């Protein structure tokens, strides 16, 4: 399983990942995490503009809002990654 850790300067570091790293994760489940834009960028290797543009076109999971905080549902991103592995997206 991939884990983030905090660097000495306080910034989060996400290890490099590939689509293959997600092959064994379940696509669906009752448990989910709220992922920040920075985490989604690191996991998908997409930039902010690409994420928002593709989400607005229905090609990527849409962000959610919790008050002022914007996040992505981890299970939706994982399902998107599985669809990438299958060549569906």
N, C-alpha and C. Protein backbone atom coordinates (compact mmCIF):
# COMPACT_ATOMS: atom_id res chain seq x y z
N UNK A 1 0.85 -1.17 0.00
CA UNK A 1 0.00 0.00 0.00
C UNK A 1 0.89 1.23 0.00
N UNK A 2 0.47 2.25 -0.70
CA UNK A 2 1.23 3.48 -0.80
C UNK A 2 0.86 4.41 0.35
N UNK A 3 1.86 5.08 0.89
CA UNK A 3 1.61 5.99 2.00
C UNK A 3 2.34 7.30 1.76
N UNK A 4 1.75 8.37 2.23
CA UNK A 4 2.38 9.67 2.18
C UNK A 4 3.13 9.88 3.50
N UNK A 5 4.10 10.73 3.48
CA UNK A 5 4.75 11.12 4.73
C UNK A 5 5.13 12.59 4.64
N UNK A 6 5.33 13.17 5.83
CA UNK A 6 5.65 14.59 5.89
C UNK A 6 7.15 14.78 5.82
N UNK A 7 7.57 15.69 4.98
CA UNK A 7 8.98 16.03 4.85
C UNK A 7 9.37 16.97 5.98
N UNK A 8 10.68 17.14 6.23
CA UNK A 8 11.12 18.04 7.31
C UNK A 8 10.56 19.45 7.19
N UNK A 9 10.33 19.93 5.96
CA UNK A 9 9.80 21.29 5.80
C UNK A 9 8.28 21.35 5.98
N UNK A 10 7.66 20.21 6.34
CA UNK A 10 6.23 20.18 6.60
C UNK A 10 5.38 19.83 5.39
N UNK A 11 6.01 19.78 4.21
CA UNK A 11 5.25 19.45 3.00
C UNK A 11 4.99 17.95 2.94
N UNK A 12 3.87 17.58 2.37
CA UNK A 12 3.57 16.16 2.18
C UNK A 12 4.34 15.64 0.99
N UNK A 13 4.88 14.45 1.14
CA UNK A 13 5.56 13.79 0.03
C UNK A 13 4.77 12.54 -0.33
N UNK A 14 4.40 12.42 -1.58
CA UNK A 14 3.71 11.24 -2.06
C UNK A 14 4.70 10.47 -2.92
N UNK A 15 4.89 9.19 -2.63
CA UNK A 15 5.85 8.43 -3.44
C UNK A 15 5.39 8.35 -4.88
N UNK A 16 6.34 8.22 -5.81
CA UNK A 16 5.93 8.07 -7.21
C UNK A 16 5.11 6.80 -7.39
N UNK A 17 4.08 6.90 -8.21
CA UNK A 17 3.22 5.74 -8.44
C UNK A 17 3.00 5.57 -9.93
N UNK A 18 2.59 4.37 -10.28
CA UNK A 18 2.19 4.08 -11.65
C UNK A 18 0.81 3.45 -11.57
N UNK A 19 0.16 3.33 -12.70
CA UNK A 19 -1.15 2.67 -12.71
C UNK A 19 -1.06 1.26 -12.16
N UNK A 20 0.05 0.60 -12.39
CA UNK A 20 0.21 -0.78 -11.91
C UNK A 20 0.16 -0.85 -10.38
N UNK A 21 0.56 0.22 -9.70
CA UNK A 21 0.52 0.22 -8.24
C UNK A 21 -0.89 0.08 -7.70
N UNK A 22 -1.90 0.39 -8.51
CA UNK A 22 -3.28 0.40 -8.07
C UNK A 22 -4.04 -0.86 -8.47
N UNK A 23 -3.39 -1.76 -9.19
CA UNK A 23 -4.06 -2.95 -9.70
C UNK A 23 -4.74 -3.77 -8.61
N UNK A 24 -4.14 -3.90 -7.42
CA UNK A 24 -4.68 -4.76 -6.38
C UNK A 24 -5.64 -4.05 -5.42
N UNK A 25 -5.83 -2.76 -5.58
CA UNK A 25 -6.76 -2.07 -4.69
C UNK A 25 -8.19 -2.28 -5.16
N UNK A 26 -9.12 -2.44 -4.23
CA UNK A 26 -10.52 -2.62 -4.63
C UNK A 26 -11.06 -1.36 -5.28
N UNK A 27 -11.88 -1.55 -6.31
CA UNK A 27 -12.46 -0.41 -7.00
C UNK A 27 -13.57 0.24 -6.19
N UNK A 28 -14.24 -0.53 -5.41
CA UNK A 28 -15.37 0.00 -4.65
C UNK A 28 -15.27 -0.45 -3.20
N UNK A 29 -15.87 0.31 -2.33
CA UNK A 29 -15.87 -0.06 -0.93
C UNK A 29 -16.63 0.98 -0.14
N UNK A 30 -16.95 0.64 1.09
CA UNK A 30 -17.68 1.56 1.94
C UNK A 30 -16.77 2.64 2.53
N UNK A 31 -15.50 2.31 2.67
CA UNK A 31 -14.56 3.24 3.27
C UNK A 31 -13.93 4.12 2.18
N UNK A 32 -13.80 5.39 2.43
CA UNK A 32 -13.09 6.27 1.51
C UNK A 32 -12.36 7.35 2.30
N UNK A 33 -11.38 7.93 1.64
CA UNK A 33 -10.65 9.06 2.20
C UNK A 33 -10.95 10.29 1.36
N UNK A 34 -10.76 11.44 1.96
CA UNK A 34 -10.89 12.71 1.25
C UNK A 34 -9.49 13.13 0.83
N UNK A 35 -9.24 13.10 -0.48
CA UNK A 35 -7.92 13.41 -0.99
C UNK A 35 -7.83 14.84 -1.47
N UNK A 36 -6.75 15.50 -1.13
CA UNK A 36 -6.50 16.88 -1.55
C UNK A 36 -6.09 16.91 -3.02
N UNK A 37 -6.14 18.10 -3.59
CA UNK A 37 -5.70 18.28 -4.97
C UNK A 37 -4.25 17.82 -5.12
N UNK A 38 -3.41 18.16 -4.16
CA UNK A 38 -2.00 17.78 -4.23
C UNK A 38 -1.83 16.26 -4.29
N UNK A 39 -2.61 15.55 -3.50
CA UNK A 39 -2.52 14.09 -3.51
C UNK A 39 -3.03 13.53 -4.84
N UNK A 40 -4.13 14.07 -5.35
CA UNK A 40 -4.67 13.60 -6.63
C UNK A 40 -3.67 13.87 -7.75
N UNK A 41 -3.03 15.04 -7.72
CA UNK A 41 -2.01 15.35 -8.72
C UNK A 41 -0.87 14.33 -8.67
N UNK A 42 -0.40 14.02 -7.48
CA UNK A 42 0.71 13.08 -7.32
C UNK A 42 0.33 11.67 -7.76
N UNK A 43 -0.87 11.24 -7.42
CA UNK A 43 -1.30 9.88 -7.73
C UNK A 43 -1.59 9.69 -9.21
N UNK A 44 -2.18 10.71 -9.82
CA UNK A 44 -2.59 10.57 -11.23
C UNK A 44 -1.56 11.10 -12.21
N UNK A 45 -0.57 11.83 -11.73
CA UNK A 45 0.43 12.48 -12.58
C UNK A 45 -0.23 13.49 -13.52
N UNK A 46 -1.30 14.12 -13.03
CA UNK A 46 -1.99 15.18 -13.78
C UNK A 46 -1.83 16.49 -13.01
N UNK A 47 -1.82 17.58 -13.73
CA UNK A 47 -1.77 18.88 -13.10
C UNK A 47 -3.16 19.41 -12.77
N UNK A 48 -3.19 20.49 -12.02
CA UNK A 48 -4.45 21.10 -11.57
C UNK A 48 -5.37 21.42 -12.74
N UNK A 49 -4.83 22.06 -13.78
CA UNK A 49 -5.66 22.46 -14.91
C UNK A 49 -6.26 21.25 -15.61
N UNK A 50 -5.46 20.21 -15.83
CA UNK A 50 -5.96 18.99 -16.49
C UNK A 50 -7.03 18.32 -15.65
N UNK A 51 -6.83 18.27 -14.34
CA UNK A 51 -7.81 17.63 -13.45
C UNK A 51 -9.16 18.35 -13.53
N UNK A 52 -9.14 19.66 -13.39
CA UNK A 52 -10.40 20.41 -13.42
C UNK A 52 -11.04 20.41 -14.81
N UNK A 53 -10.23 20.50 -15.85
CA UNK A 53 -10.77 20.48 -17.21
C UNK A 53 -11.43 19.15 -17.52
N UNK A 54 -10.73 18.04 -17.20
CA UNK A 54 -11.29 16.71 -17.47
C UNK A 54 -12.51 16.44 -16.60
N UNK A 55 -12.50 16.93 -15.35
CA UNK A 55 -13.67 16.75 -14.48
C UNK A 55 -14.87 17.49 -15.04
N UNK A 56 -14.66 18.69 -15.59
CA UNK A 56 -15.78 19.46 -16.15
C UNK A 56 -16.36 18.80 -17.40
N UNK A 57 -15.54 17.98 -18.08
CA UNK A 57 -16.00 17.27 -19.28
C UNK A 57 -16.51 15.86 -18.95
N UNK A 58 -16.49 15.49 -17.67
CA UNK A 58 -16.96 14.17 -17.27
C UNK A 58 -15.94 13.06 -17.52
N UNK A 59 -14.69 13.42 -17.74
CA UNK A 59 -13.64 12.43 -18.02
C UNK A 59 -12.82 12.07 -16.79
N UNK A 60 -13.11 12.73 -15.67
CA UNK A 60 -12.36 12.52 -14.43
C UNK A 60 -13.34 12.78 -13.28
N UNK A 61 -13.15 12.13 -12.13
CA UNK A 61 -14.06 12.37 -11.00
C UNK A 61 -14.12 13.85 -10.62
N UNK A 62 -15.30 14.31 -10.30
CA UNK A 62 -15.49 15.71 -9.92
C UNK A 62 -15.11 15.91 -8.45
N UNK A 63 -14.55 17.09 -8.14
CA UNK A 63 -14.23 17.38 -6.75
C UNK A 63 -15.51 17.60 -5.93
N UNK A 64 -15.39 17.41 -4.64
CA UNK A 64 -16.49 17.61 -3.69
C UNK A 64 -16.13 18.80 -2.80
N UNK A 65 -17.12 19.38 -2.17
CA UNK A 65 -16.89 20.50 -1.26
C UNK A 65 -17.39 20.14 0.13
N UNK A 66 -16.61 20.53 1.12
CA UNK A 66 -16.98 20.38 2.53
C UNK A 66 -16.71 21.74 3.16
N UNK A 67 -17.71 22.59 3.12
CA UNK A 67 -17.48 23.98 3.54
C UNK A 67 -16.60 24.65 2.51
N UNK A 68 -15.46 25.15 2.93
CA UNK A 68 -14.51 25.79 2.01
C UNK A 68 -13.50 24.80 1.45
N UNK A 69 -13.46 23.61 1.99
CA UNK A 69 -12.45 22.61 1.58
C UNK A 69 -12.91 21.83 0.36
N UNK A 70 -12.04 21.70 -0.63
CA UNK A 70 -12.30 20.90 -1.82
C UNK A 70 -11.52 19.61 -1.70
N UNK A 71 -12.16 18.49 -2.03
CA UNK A 71 -11.48 17.20 -1.95
C UNK A 71 -12.04 16.27 -3.02
N UNK A 72 -11.32 15.17 -3.24
CA UNK A 72 -11.77 14.11 -4.15
C UNK A 72 -11.98 12.86 -3.33
N UNK A 73 -13.00 12.09 -3.68
CA UNK A 73 -13.29 10.83 -2.99
C UNK A 73 -12.31 9.78 -3.50
N UNK A 74 -11.55 9.21 -2.58
CA UNK A 74 -10.48 8.27 -2.95
C UNK A 74 -10.99 7.10 -3.80
N UNK A 75 -12.15 6.56 -3.47
CA UNK A 75 -12.65 5.40 -4.22
C UNK A 75 -13.00 5.77 -5.66
N UNK A 76 -13.41 7.01 -5.89
CA UNK A 76 -13.68 7.45 -7.26
C UNK A 76 -12.39 7.56 -8.07
N UNK A 77 -11.34 8.05 -7.43
CA UNK A 77 -10.05 8.14 -8.12
C UNK A 77 -9.50 6.74 -8.39
N UNK A 78 -9.62 5.85 -7.43
CA UNK A 78 -9.14 4.47 -7.62
C UNK A 78 -9.92 3.79 -8.73
N UNK A 79 -11.23 3.98 -8.79
CA UNK A 79 -12.04 3.40 -9.87
C UNK A 79 -11.59 3.97 -11.22
N UNK A 80 -11.30 5.27 -11.26
CA UNK A 80 -10.81 5.89 -12.50
C UNK A 80 -9.48 5.26 -12.91
N UNK A 81 -8.59 5.03 -11.93
CA UNK A 81 -7.30 4.41 -12.22
C UNK A 81 -7.48 2.99 -12.78
N UNK A 82 -8.43 2.23 -12.20
CA UNK A 82 -8.72 0.88 -12.72
C UNK A 82 -9.24 0.96 -14.15
N UNK A 83 -10.08 1.95 -14.44
CA UNK A 83 -10.58 2.10 -15.81
C UNK A 83 -9.42 2.43 -16.75
N UNK A 84 -8.43 3.19 -16.28
CA UNK A 84 -7.24 3.46 -17.07
C UNK A 84 -6.50 2.17 -17.38
N UNK A 85 -6.36 1.32 -16.36
CA UNK A 85 -5.67 0.04 -16.55
C UNK A 85 -6.37 -0.83 -17.60
N UNK A 86 -7.70 -0.76 -17.60
CA UNK A 86 -8.48 -1.57 -18.55
C UNK A 86 -8.58 -0.89 -19.92
N UNK A 87 -8.08 0.34 -20.03
CA UNK A 87 -8.15 1.06 -21.30
C UNK A 87 -9.52 1.62 -21.60
N UNK A 88 -10.32 1.83 -20.58
CA UNK A 88 -11.69 2.33 -20.78
C UNK A 88 -11.78 3.85 -20.80
N UNK A 89 -10.76 4.53 -20.36
CA UNK A 89 -10.79 6.00 -20.27
C UNK A 89 -9.71 6.56 -21.16
